[in-house]
């Protein structure tokens, strides 16, 4: 079941937050930046893992850390975008629907394999990824809508506003 809300996804009570990034993302804007500020070790771990192997768009990279209250926070990074080049100064390129589709399929498998009970995500690949939500939303519904868990889509970002996720 997919529920659309307004609020601050960082305040989500969902077990896992998923979001889109580029293969060698600088984590310097949007939700990626907010996650880097909250979980700097995630970005260090991601960069280390990406040096070990060259990632491909459409893959996912999952990470677990500890929230300020001591609870566990799962983050799934969906590699929805490539990079302009291999230069350190390269920027992410526009996302492609086929990469978003592959990443969502991989996310759905991860949710099932790990028994994840709830998931939150923003309007995937519509910020830096530059896709239209009308194109991405059907893919979210196709891959995540039948999982039998609450899937919370943060349609509108409202800083410091806790959304009514109806998870309890």
N, C-alpha and C. Protein backbone atom coordinates (compact mmCIF):
# COMPACT_ATOMS: atom_id res chain seq x y z
N UNK A 1 0.83 -1.18 0.00
CA UNK A 1 0.00 0.00 0.00
C UNK A 1 0.88 1.25 0.00
N UNK A 2 0.63 2.12 -0.93
CA UNK A 2 1.42 3.34 -1.06
C UNK A 2 0.61 4.51 -0.51
N UNK A 3 1.27 5.27 0.36
CA UNK A 3 0.65 6.45 0.96
C UNK A 3 1.51 7.66 0.63
N UNK A 4 0.88 8.72 0.14
CA UNK A 4 1.60 9.94 -0.20
C UNK A 4 1.41 10.95 0.93
N UNK A 5 2.54 11.57 1.34
CA UNK A 5 2.51 12.49 2.46
C UNK A 5 3.35 13.73 2.16
N UNK A 6 3.20 14.71 3.02
CA UNK A 6 4.05 15.90 3.02
C UNK A 6 4.79 15.91 4.34
N UNK A 7 6.06 16.31 4.31
CA UNK A 7 6.81 16.39 5.54
C UNK A 7 8.29 16.18 5.30
N UNK A 8 9.00 15.95 6.39
CA UNK A 8 10.45 15.78 6.37
C UNK A 8 10.76 14.29 6.45
N UNK A 9 11.26 13.73 5.35
CA UNK A 9 11.53 12.29 5.29
C UNK A 9 12.56 11.86 6.34
N UNK A 10 13.41 12.76 6.78
CA UNK A 10 14.39 12.40 7.81
C UNK A 10 13.72 12.11 9.15
N UNK A 11 12.48 12.54 9.31
CA UNK A 11 11.72 12.26 10.53
C UNK A 11 10.85 11.02 10.39
N UNK A 12 10.98 10.32 9.28
CA UNK A 12 10.16 9.14 9.01
C UNK A 12 10.38 8.06 10.05
N UNK A 13 9.30 7.36 10.37
CA UNK A 13 9.37 6.20 11.26
C UNK A 13 9.51 4.90 10.48
N UNK A 14 9.57 4.99 9.15
CA UNK A 14 9.73 3.80 8.33
C UNK A 14 11.06 3.12 8.65
N UNK A 15 11.08 1.82 8.50
CA UNK A 15 12.29 1.04 8.80
C UNK A 15 13.44 1.42 7.88
N UNK A 16 13.12 1.72 6.61
CA UNK A 16 14.14 2.03 5.62
C UNK A 16 13.74 3.27 4.83
N UNK A 17 14.73 4.12 4.55
CA UNK A 17 14.55 5.24 3.63
C UNK A 17 15.32 4.89 2.36
N UNK A 18 14.66 5.01 1.22
CA UNK A 18 15.32 4.79 -0.07
C UNK A 18 15.36 6.11 -0.82
N UNK A 19 16.42 6.34 -1.57
CA UNK A 19 16.52 7.57 -2.35
C UNK A 19 17.46 7.34 -3.52
N UNK A 20 17.36 8.19 -4.52
CA UNK A 20 18.18 8.05 -5.71
C UNK A 20 19.45 8.87 -5.63
N UNK A 21 20.53 8.30 -6.15
CA UNK A 21 21.81 9.00 -6.23
C UNK A 21 22.49 8.63 -7.54
N UNK A 22 23.59 9.29 -7.81
CA UNK A 22 24.42 8.95 -8.97
C UNK A 22 25.49 7.94 -8.54
N UNK A 23 26.10 7.30 -9.52
CA UNK A 23 27.08 6.25 -9.22
C UNK A 23 28.25 6.75 -8.37
N UNK A 24 28.72 7.95 -8.60
CA UNK A 24 29.78 8.54 -7.77
C UNK A 24 29.29 9.88 -7.25
N UNK A 25 28.16 9.82 -6.58
CA UNK A 25 27.46 11.02 -6.13
C UNK A 25 28.29 11.83 -5.15
N UNK A 26 28.31 13.16 -5.29
CA UNK A 26 29.02 14.00 -4.32
C UNK A 26 28.21 14.25 -3.04
N UNK A 27 26.96 13.80 -2.99
CA UNK A 27 26.10 14.00 -1.81
C UNK A 27 26.10 15.47 -1.39
N UNK A 28 25.91 16.36 -2.36
CA UNK A 28 26.00 17.79 -2.05
C UNK A 28 24.72 18.58 -2.30
N UNK A 29 23.60 17.88 -2.52
CA UNK A 29 22.34 18.60 -2.70
C UNK A 29 21.16 17.72 -2.31
N UNK A 30 20.06 18.36 -1.99
CA UNK A 30 18.81 17.67 -1.71
C UNK A 30 18.89 16.69 -0.56
N UNK A 31 18.16 15.60 -0.70
CA UNK A 31 18.11 14.58 0.35
C UNK A 31 19.47 13.94 0.57
N UNK A 32 20.25 13.77 -0.49
CA UNK A 32 21.59 13.19 -0.33
C UNK A 32 22.44 14.03 0.63
N UNK A 33 22.37 15.34 0.49
CA UNK A 33 23.11 16.23 1.39
C UNK A 33 22.59 16.11 2.82
N UNK A 34 21.29 16.09 2.99
CA UNK A 34 20.71 15.96 4.34
C UNK A 34 21.13 14.63 4.98
N UNK A 35 21.17 13.56 4.19
CA UNK A 35 21.60 12.27 4.72
C UNK A 35 23.09 12.29 5.05
N UNK A 36 23.89 12.96 4.23
CA UNK A 36 25.33 13.08 4.50
C UNK A 36 25.56 13.82 5.82
N UNK A 37 24.78 14.86 6.05
CA UNK A 37 24.93 15.63 7.30
C UNK A 37 24.50 14.81 8.51
N UNK A 38 23.47 14.01 8.36
CA UNK A 38 22.98 13.20 9.47
C UNK A 38 23.81 11.94 9.68
N UNK A 39 24.27 11.33 8.58
CA UNK A 39 25.01 10.07 8.64
C UNK A 39 26.31 10.17 7.83
N UNK A 40 27.29 10.93 8.30
CA UNK A 40 28.52 11.09 7.52
C UNK A 40 29.24 9.76 7.28
N UNK A 41 29.08 8.81 8.17
CA UNK A 41 29.75 7.51 7.98
C UNK A 41 29.15 6.76 6.79
N UNK A 42 27.88 6.99 6.46
CA UNK A 42 27.29 6.34 5.30
C UNK A 42 28.02 6.76 4.02
N UNK A 43 28.30 8.05 3.91
CA UNK A 43 28.97 8.55 2.70
C UNK A 43 30.39 8.00 2.63
N UNK A 44 31.09 7.96 3.76
CA UNK A 44 32.44 7.39 3.77
C UNK A 44 32.41 5.92 3.36
N UNK A 45 31.45 5.17 3.90
CA UNK A 45 31.32 3.76 3.54
C UNK A 45 30.97 3.60 2.06
N UNK A 46 30.09 4.45 1.56
CA UNK A 46 29.70 4.39 0.15
C UNK A 46 30.90 4.65 -0.75
N UNK A 47 31.65 5.69 -0.44
CA UNK A 47 32.82 6.02 -1.28
C UNK A 47 33.86 4.91 -1.24
N UNK A 48 34.04 4.31 -0.09
CA UNK A 48 34.98 3.19 0.01
C UNK A 48 34.49 2.01 -0.84
N UNK A 49 33.20 1.70 -0.73
CA UNK A 49 32.64 0.58 -1.50
C UNK A 49 32.73 0.85 -3.00
N UNK A 50 32.54 2.09 -3.41
CA UNK A 50 32.57 2.42 -4.83
C UNK A 50 33.99 2.40 -5.40
N UNK A 51 34.98 2.63 -4.55
CA UNK A 51 36.37 2.50 -5.00
C UNK A 51 36.74 1.04 -5.23
N UNK A 52 36.09 0.16 -4.49
CA UNK A 52 36.38 -1.27 -4.59
C UNK A 52 35.84 -1.86 -5.90
N UNK A 53 34.77 -1.29 -6.42
CA UNK A 53 34.20 -1.77 -7.68
C UNK A 53 33.42 -0.64 -8.33
N UNK A 54 33.44 -0.60 -9.64
CA UNK A 54 32.73 0.46 -10.34
C UNK A 54 31.25 0.10 -10.39
N UNK A 55 30.39 0.91 -9.78
CA UNK A 55 28.96 0.59 -9.74
C UNK A 55 28.29 0.90 -11.09
N UNK A 56 27.18 0.24 -11.31
CA UNK A 56 26.41 0.46 -12.53
C UNK A 56 25.07 1.08 -12.16
N UNK A 57 24.57 1.93 -13.03
CA UNK A 57 23.24 2.49 -12.80
C UNK A 57 22.23 1.35 -12.78
N UNK A 58 21.19 1.54 -11.98
CA UNK A 58 20.17 0.51 -11.82
C UNK A 58 20.42 -0.41 -10.65
N UNK A 59 21.60 -0.32 -10.05
CA UNK A 59 21.91 -1.13 -8.87
C UNK A 59 21.48 -0.39 -7.61
N UNK A 60 21.58 -1.07 -6.47
CA UNK A 60 21.32 -0.43 -5.18
C UNK A 60 22.50 -0.70 -4.26
N UNK A 61 22.63 0.16 -3.26
CA UNK A 61 23.64 -0.02 -2.22
C UNK A 61 22.97 0.29 -0.89
N UNK A 62 22.89 -0.72 -0.03
CA UNK A 62 22.20 -0.58 1.25
C UNK A 62 23.19 -0.34 2.37
N UNK A 63 22.74 0.42 3.37
CA UNK A 63 23.58 0.77 4.52
C UNK A 63 22.71 0.81 5.76
N UNK A 64 23.27 0.45 6.89
CA UNK A 64 22.56 0.56 8.17
C UNK A 64 23.41 1.37 9.13
N UNK A 65 22.74 2.24 9.87
CA UNK A 65 23.41 3.05 10.86
C UNK A 65 22.52 3.23 12.07
N UNK A 66 22.94 4.12 12.96
CA UNK A 66 22.20 4.35 14.19
C UNK A 66 21.69 5.78 14.22
N UNK A 67 20.39 5.92 14.50
CA UNK A 67 19.78 7.24 14.65
C UNK A 67 20.21 7.87 15.97
N UNK A 68 19.88 9.15 16.11
CA UNK A 68 20.22 9.88 17.34
C UNK A 68 19.59 9.26 18.57
N UNK A 69 18.41 8.61 18.40
CA UNK A 69 17.73 7.99 19.54
C UNK A 69 18.20 6.57 19.82
N UNK A 70 19.20 6.09 19.07
CA UNK A 70 19.75 4.76 19.28
C UNK A 70 19.09 3.68 18.44
N UNK A 71 18.04 4.00 17.72
CA UNK A 71 17.39 3.02 16.86
C UNK A 71 18.20 2.83 15.57
N UNK A 72 17.95 1.73 14.90
CA UNK A 72 18.65 1.44 13.65
C UNK A 72 17.95 2.12 12.49
N UNK A 73 18.74 2.69 11.59
CA UNK A 73 18.20 3.34 10.39
C UNK A 73 18.78 2.64 9.17
N UNK A 74 17.93 2.16 8.31
CA UNK A 74 18.35 1.59 7.05
C UNK A 74 18.21 2.62 5.94
N UNK A 75 19.22 2.73 5.11
CA UNK A 75 19.19 3.62 3.95
C UNK A 75 19.52 2.76 2.73
N UNK A 76 18.69 2.86 1.70
CA UNK A 76 18.99 2.18 0.44
C UNK A 76 19.21 3.25 -0.61
N UNK A 77 20.40 3.28 -1.14
CA UNK A 77 20.78 4.22 -2.19
C UNK A 77 20.50 3.56 -3.53
N UNK A 78 19.60 4.14 -4.31
CA UNK A 78 19.27 3.61 -5.62
C UNK A 78 20.09 4.37 -6.65
N UNK A 79 20.91 3.66 -7.40
CA UNK A 79 21.80 4.30 -8.37
C UNK A 79 21.02 4.59 -9.66
N UNK A 80 20.32 5.71 -9.63
CA UNK A 80 19.42 6.07 -10.73
C UNK A 80 20.09 6.93 -11.79
N UNK A 81 21.31 7.38 -11.53
CA UNK A 81 21.99 8.29 -12.45
C UNK A 81 23.45 7.92 -12.60
N UNK A 82 23.98 8.22 -13.77
CA UNK A 82 25.41 8.10 -13.99
C UNK A 82 26.08 9.44 -13.76
N UNK A 83 27.33 9.52 -14.19
CA UNK A 83 28.12 10.74 -14.04
C UNK A 83 28.57 11.22 -15.42
N UNK A 84 28.87 12.51 -15.52
CA UNK A 84 29.33 13.10 -16.79
C UNK A 84 30.63 12.44 -17.27
N UNK A 85 31.51 12.13 -16.32
CA UNK A 85 32.80 11.54 -16.64
C UNK A 85 33.37 10.94 -15.36
N UNK A 86 34.61 10.48 -15.42
CA UNK A 86 35.27 9.93 -14.25
C UNK A 86 36.05 10.98 -13.47
N UNK A 87 36.05 12.21 -13.95
CA UNK A 87 36.72 13.33 -13.26
C UNK A 87 36.16 13.51 -11.85
N UNK A 88 36.99 13.96 -10.95
CA UNK A 88 36.52 14.26 -9.59
C UNK A 88 35.50 15.38 -9.59
N UNK A 89 35.58 16.28 -10.56
CA UNK A 89 34.65 17.41 -10.63
C UNK A 89 33.39 17.10 -11.44
N UNK A 90 33.25 15.86 -11.92
CA UNK A 90 32.09 15.48 -12.74
C UNK A 90 30.81 15.59 -11.93
N UNK A 91 29.74 15.91 -12.61
CA UNK A 91 28.42 16.05 -11.99
C UNK A 91 27.51 14.92 -12.46
N UNK A 92 26.48 14.62 -11.67
CA UNK A 92 25.52 13.60 -12.11
C UNK A 92 24.78 14.04 -13.37
N UNK A 93 24.42 13.06 -14.19
CA UNK A 93 23.62 13.32 -15.39
C UNK A 93 22.16 12.99 -15.08
N UNK A 94 21.29 13.34 -16.00
CA UNK A 94 19.86 13.09 -15.85
C UNK A 94 19.62 11.58 -15.70
N UNK A 95 18.68 11.24 -14.85
CA UNK A 95 18.31 9.84 -14.65
C UNK A 95 17.61 9.30 -15.90
N UNK A 96 17.67 7.98 -16.06
CA UNK A 96 16.98 7.31 -17.15
C UNK A 96 15.92 6.39 -16.54
N UNK A 97 14.76 6.36 -17.15
CA UNK A 97 13.67 5.53 -16.63
C UNK A 97 14.06 4.06 -16.51
N UNK A 98 14.85 3.55 -17.46
CA UNK A 98 15.22 2.15 -17.38
C UNK A 98 16.11 1.87 -16.16
N UNK A 99 16.94 2.84 -15.77
CA UNK A 99 17.76 2.67 -14.57
C UNK A 99 16.91 2.75 -13.30
N UNK A 100 15.95 3.67 -13.30
CA UNK A 100 15.03 3.77 -12.16
C UNK A 100 14.25 2.47 -12.04
N UNK A 101 13.79 1.93 -13.14
CA UNK A 101 13.04 0.68 -13.16
C UNK A 101 13.87 -0.46 -12.57
N UNK A 102 15.13 -0.59 -13.01
CA UNK A 102 16.00 -1.65 -12.50
C UNK A 102 16.27 -1.48 -11.01
N UNK A 103 16.50 -0.24 -10.58
CA UNK A 103 16.78 0.02 -9.17
C UNK A 103 15.56 -0.29 -8.30
N UNK A 104 14.38 0.06 -8.77
CA UNK A 104 13.17 -0.24 -8.01
C UNK A 104 12.92 -1.75 -7.94
N UNK A 105 13.21 -2.45 -9.00
CA UNK A 105 13.09 -3.91 -9.00
C UNK A 105 14.05 -4.50 -7.96
N UNK A 106 15.28 -4.00 -7.92
CA UNK A 106 16.26 -4.47 -6.94
C UNK A 106 15.84 -4.12 -5.52
N UNK A 107 15.27 -2.94 -5.35
CA UNK A 107 14.77 -2.53 -4.03
C UNK A 107 13.65 -3.46 -3.58
N UNK A 108 12.73 -3.77 -4.46
CA UNK A 108 11.63 -4.68 -4.10
C UNK A 108 12.16 -6.04 -3.67
N UNK A 109 13.17 -6.56 -4.38
CA UNK A 109 13.79 -7.83 -3.99
C UNK A 109 14.41 -7.73 -2.60
N UNK A 110 15.11 -6.62 -2.35
CA UNK A 110 15.75 -6.42 -1.04
C UNK A 110 14.70 -6.38 0.07
N UNK A 111 13.61 -5.65 -0.15
CA UNK A 111 12.54 -5.57 0.84
C UNK A 111 12.03 -6.97 1.17
N UNK A 112 11.79 -7.79 0.15
CA UNK A 112 11.28 -9.14 0.37
C UNK A 112 12.33 -10.02 1.04
N UNK A 113 13.56 -9.98 0.55
CA UNK A 113 14.62 -10.85 1.08
C UNK A 113 14.94 -10.55 2.54
N UNK A 114 14.88 -9.28 2.92
CA UNK A 114 15.26 -8.90 4.29
C UNK A 114 14.06 -8.74 5.21
N UNK A 115 12.86 -8.93 4.71
CA UNK A 115 11.67 -8.80 5.55
C UNK A 115 11.45 -7.38 6.05
N UNK A 116 11.78 -6.41 5.24
CA UNK A 116 11.59 -5.01 5.62
C UNK A 116 10.09 -4.74 5.80
N UNK A 117 9.74 -4.05 6.87
CA UNK A 117 8.33 -3.86 7.25
C UNK A 117 7.73 -2.54 6.77
N UNK A 118 8.56 -1.54 6.47
CA UNK A 118 8.04 -0.25 6.00
C UNK A 118 9.16 0.49 5.28
N UNK A 119 8.76 1.32 4.32
CA UNK A 119 9.71 1.98 3.44
C UNK A 119 9.25 3.40 3.16
N UNK A 120 10.18 4.34 3.19
CA UNK A 120 9.88 5.74 2.83
C UNK A 120 10.81 6.14 1.70
N UNK A 121 10.29 6.93 0.77
CA UNK A 121 11.12 7.46 -0.30
C UNK A 121 10.53 8.77 -0.79
N UNK A 122 11.39 9.61 -1.37
CA UNK A 122 10.90 10.85 -1.96
C UNK A 122 10.38 10.58 -3.36
N UNK A 123 9.99 11.62 -4.06
CA UNK A 123 9.66 11.49 -5.48
C UNK A 123 10.95 11.18 -6.22
N UNK A 124 11.22 9.92 -6.34
CA UNK A 124 12.48 9.40 -6.83
C UNK A 124 12.86 9.95 -8.20
N UNK A 125 14.10 10.38 -8.33
CA UNK A 125 14.72 10.81 -9.61
C UNK A 125 14.08 12.04 -10.23
N UNK A 126 13.37 12.83 -9.42
CA UNK A 126 12.71 14.03 -9.96
C UNK A 126 13.43 15.32 -9.59
N UNK A 127 14.40 15.25 -8.72
CA UNK A 127 15.18 16.44 -8.36
C UNK A 127 16.35 16.57 -9.33
N UNK A 128 17.54 16.23 -8.85
CA UNK A 128 18.73 16.26 -9.69
C UNK A 128 18.56 15.31 -10.88
N UNK A 129 17.81 14.24 -10.69
CA UNK A 129 17.57 13.27 -11.76
C UNK A 129 16.75 13.81 -12.92
N UNK A 130 15.99 14.88 -12.68
CA UNK A 130 15.27 15.64 -13.71
C UNK A 130 14.19 14.86 -14.46
N UNK A 131 13.68 13.78 -13.88
CA UNK A 131 12.57 13.08 -14.51
C UNK A 131 11.24 13.66 -14.01
N UNK A 132 10.19 13.40 -14.73
CA UNK A 132 8.85 13.83 -14.32
C UNK A 132 8.24 12.75 -13.42
N UNK A 133 7.61 13.18 -12.34
CA UNK A 133 6.99 12.25 -11.41
C UNK A 133 5.92 11.41 -12.12
N UNK A 134 5.24 11.98 -13.08
CA UNK A 134 4.22 11.23 -13.83
C UNK A 134 4.82 10.03 -14.55
N UNK A 135 6.11 10.07 -14.86
CA UNK A 135 6.79 8.93 -15.49
C UNK A 135 7.30 7.93 -14.46
N UNK A 136 7.72 8.43 -13.31
CA UNK A 136 8.34 7.58 -12.30
C UNK A 136 7.30 6.90 -11.41
N UNK A 137 6.23 7.59 -11.10
CA UNK A 137 5.21 7.07 -10.17
C UNK A 137 4.67 5.70 -10.58
N UNK A 138 4.36 5.45 -11.87
CA UNK A 138 3.88 4.11 -12.22
C UNK A 138 4.90 3.01 -11.94
N UNK A 139 6.18 3.33 -12.04
CA UNK A 139 7.22 2.34 -11.72
C UNK A 139 7.25 2.05 -10.22
N UNK A 140 7.10 3.10 -9.41
CA UNK A 140 7.03 2.93 -7.96
C UNK A 140 5.84 2.05 -7.62
N UNK A 141 4.69 2.34 -8.22
CA UNK A 141 3.49 1.55 -7.96
C UNK A 141 3.68 0.10 -8.40
N UNK A 142 4.27 -0.10 -9.57
CA UNK A 142 4.48 -1.45 -10.11
C UNK A 142 5.37 -2.30 -9.22
N UNK A 143 6.48 -1.74 -8.78
CA UNK A 143 7.46 -2.54 -8.03
C UNK A 143 7.23 -2.56 -6.53
N UNK A 144 6.69 -1.49 -5.97
CA UNK A 144 6.57 -1.41 -4.51
C UNK A 144 5.13 -1.52 -4.01
N UNK A 145 4.17 -1.29 -4.88
CA UNK A 145 2.77 -1.26 -4.47
C UNK A 145 2.19 -2.61 -4.08
N UNK A 146 2.82 -3.69 -4.49
CA UNK A 146 2.29 -5.02 -4.20
C UNK A 146 3.10 -5.76 -3.13
N UNK A 147 3.98 -5.06 -2.44
CA UNK A 147 4.85 -5.71 -1.45
C UNK A 147 4.12 -6.06 -0.15
N UNK A 148 2.95 -5.47 0.08
CA UNK A 148 2.20 -5.76 1.30
C UNK A 148 2.74 -5.05 2.53
N UNK A 149 3.53 -4.01 2.31
CA UNK A 149 4.05 -3.20 3.43
C UNK A 149 3.69 -1.74 3.17
N UNK A 150 3.69 -0.92 4.22
CA UNK A 150 3.49 0.51 3.99
C UNK A 150 4.67 1.10 3.22
N UNK A 151 4.38 1.78 2.13
CA UNK A 151 5.37 2.51 1.34
C UNK A 151 4.94 3.96 1.39
N UNK A 152 5.75 4.79 2.04
CA UNK A 152 5.41 6.19 2.24
C UNK A 152 6.18 7.02 1.22
N UNK A 153 5.48 7.71 0.34
CA UNK A 153 6.11 8.57 -0.65
C UNK A 153 5.99 10.01 -0.18
N UNK A 154 7.12 10.62 0.05
CA UNK A 154 7.16 12.02 0.45
C UNK A 154 7.07 12.87 -0.80
N UNK A 155 5.84 13.31 -1.10
CA UNK A 155 5.60 14.07 -2.32
C UNK A 155 6.05 15.52 -2.20
N UNK A 156 5.91 16.08 -1.00
CA UNK A 156 6.29 17.47 -0.76
C UNK A 156 7.18 17.51 0.48
N UNK A 157 8.34 18.13 0.35
CA UNK A 157 9.27 18.26 1.47
C UNK A 157 8.88 19.47 2.32
N UNK A 158 8.72 19.24 3.60
CA UNK A 158 8.45 20.31 4.58
C UNK A 158 9.42 20.08 5.73
N UNK A 159 10.48 20.89 5.76
CA UNK A 159 11.53 20.74 6.77
C UNK A 159 10.95 20.73 8.18
N UNK A 160 11.43 19.78 8.97
CA UNK A 160 11.08 19.64 10.39
C UNK A 160 9.61 19.31 10.65
N UNK A 161 8.85 18.95 9.62
CA UNK A 161 7.46 18.57 9.79
C UNK A 161 7.35 17.05 9.74
N UNK A 162 6.89 16.47 10.84
CA UNK A 162 6.70 15.03 10.89
C UNK A 162 5.40 14.69 10.17
N UNK A 163 5.50 13.86 9.15
CA UNK A 163 4.33 13.49 8.34
C UNK A 163 3.45 12.49 9.10
N UNK A 164 2.18 12.47 8.75
CA UNK A 164 1.25 11.48 9.29
C UNK A 164 1.37 10.21 8.45
N UNK A 165 2.34 9.38 8.79
CA UNK A 165 2.63 8.17 8.01
C UNK A 165 1.64 7.03 8.31
N UNK A 166 0.96 7.12 9.43
CA UNK A 166 0.00 6.09 9.86
C UNK A 166 0.65 4.72 9.95
N UNK A 167 1.85 4.68 10.53
CA UNK A 167 2.58 3.42 10.67
C UNK A 167 2.29 2.71 11.99
N UNK A 168 1.77 3.40 12.97
CA UNK A 168 1.53 2.76 14.28
C UNK A 168 0.17 2.13 14.35
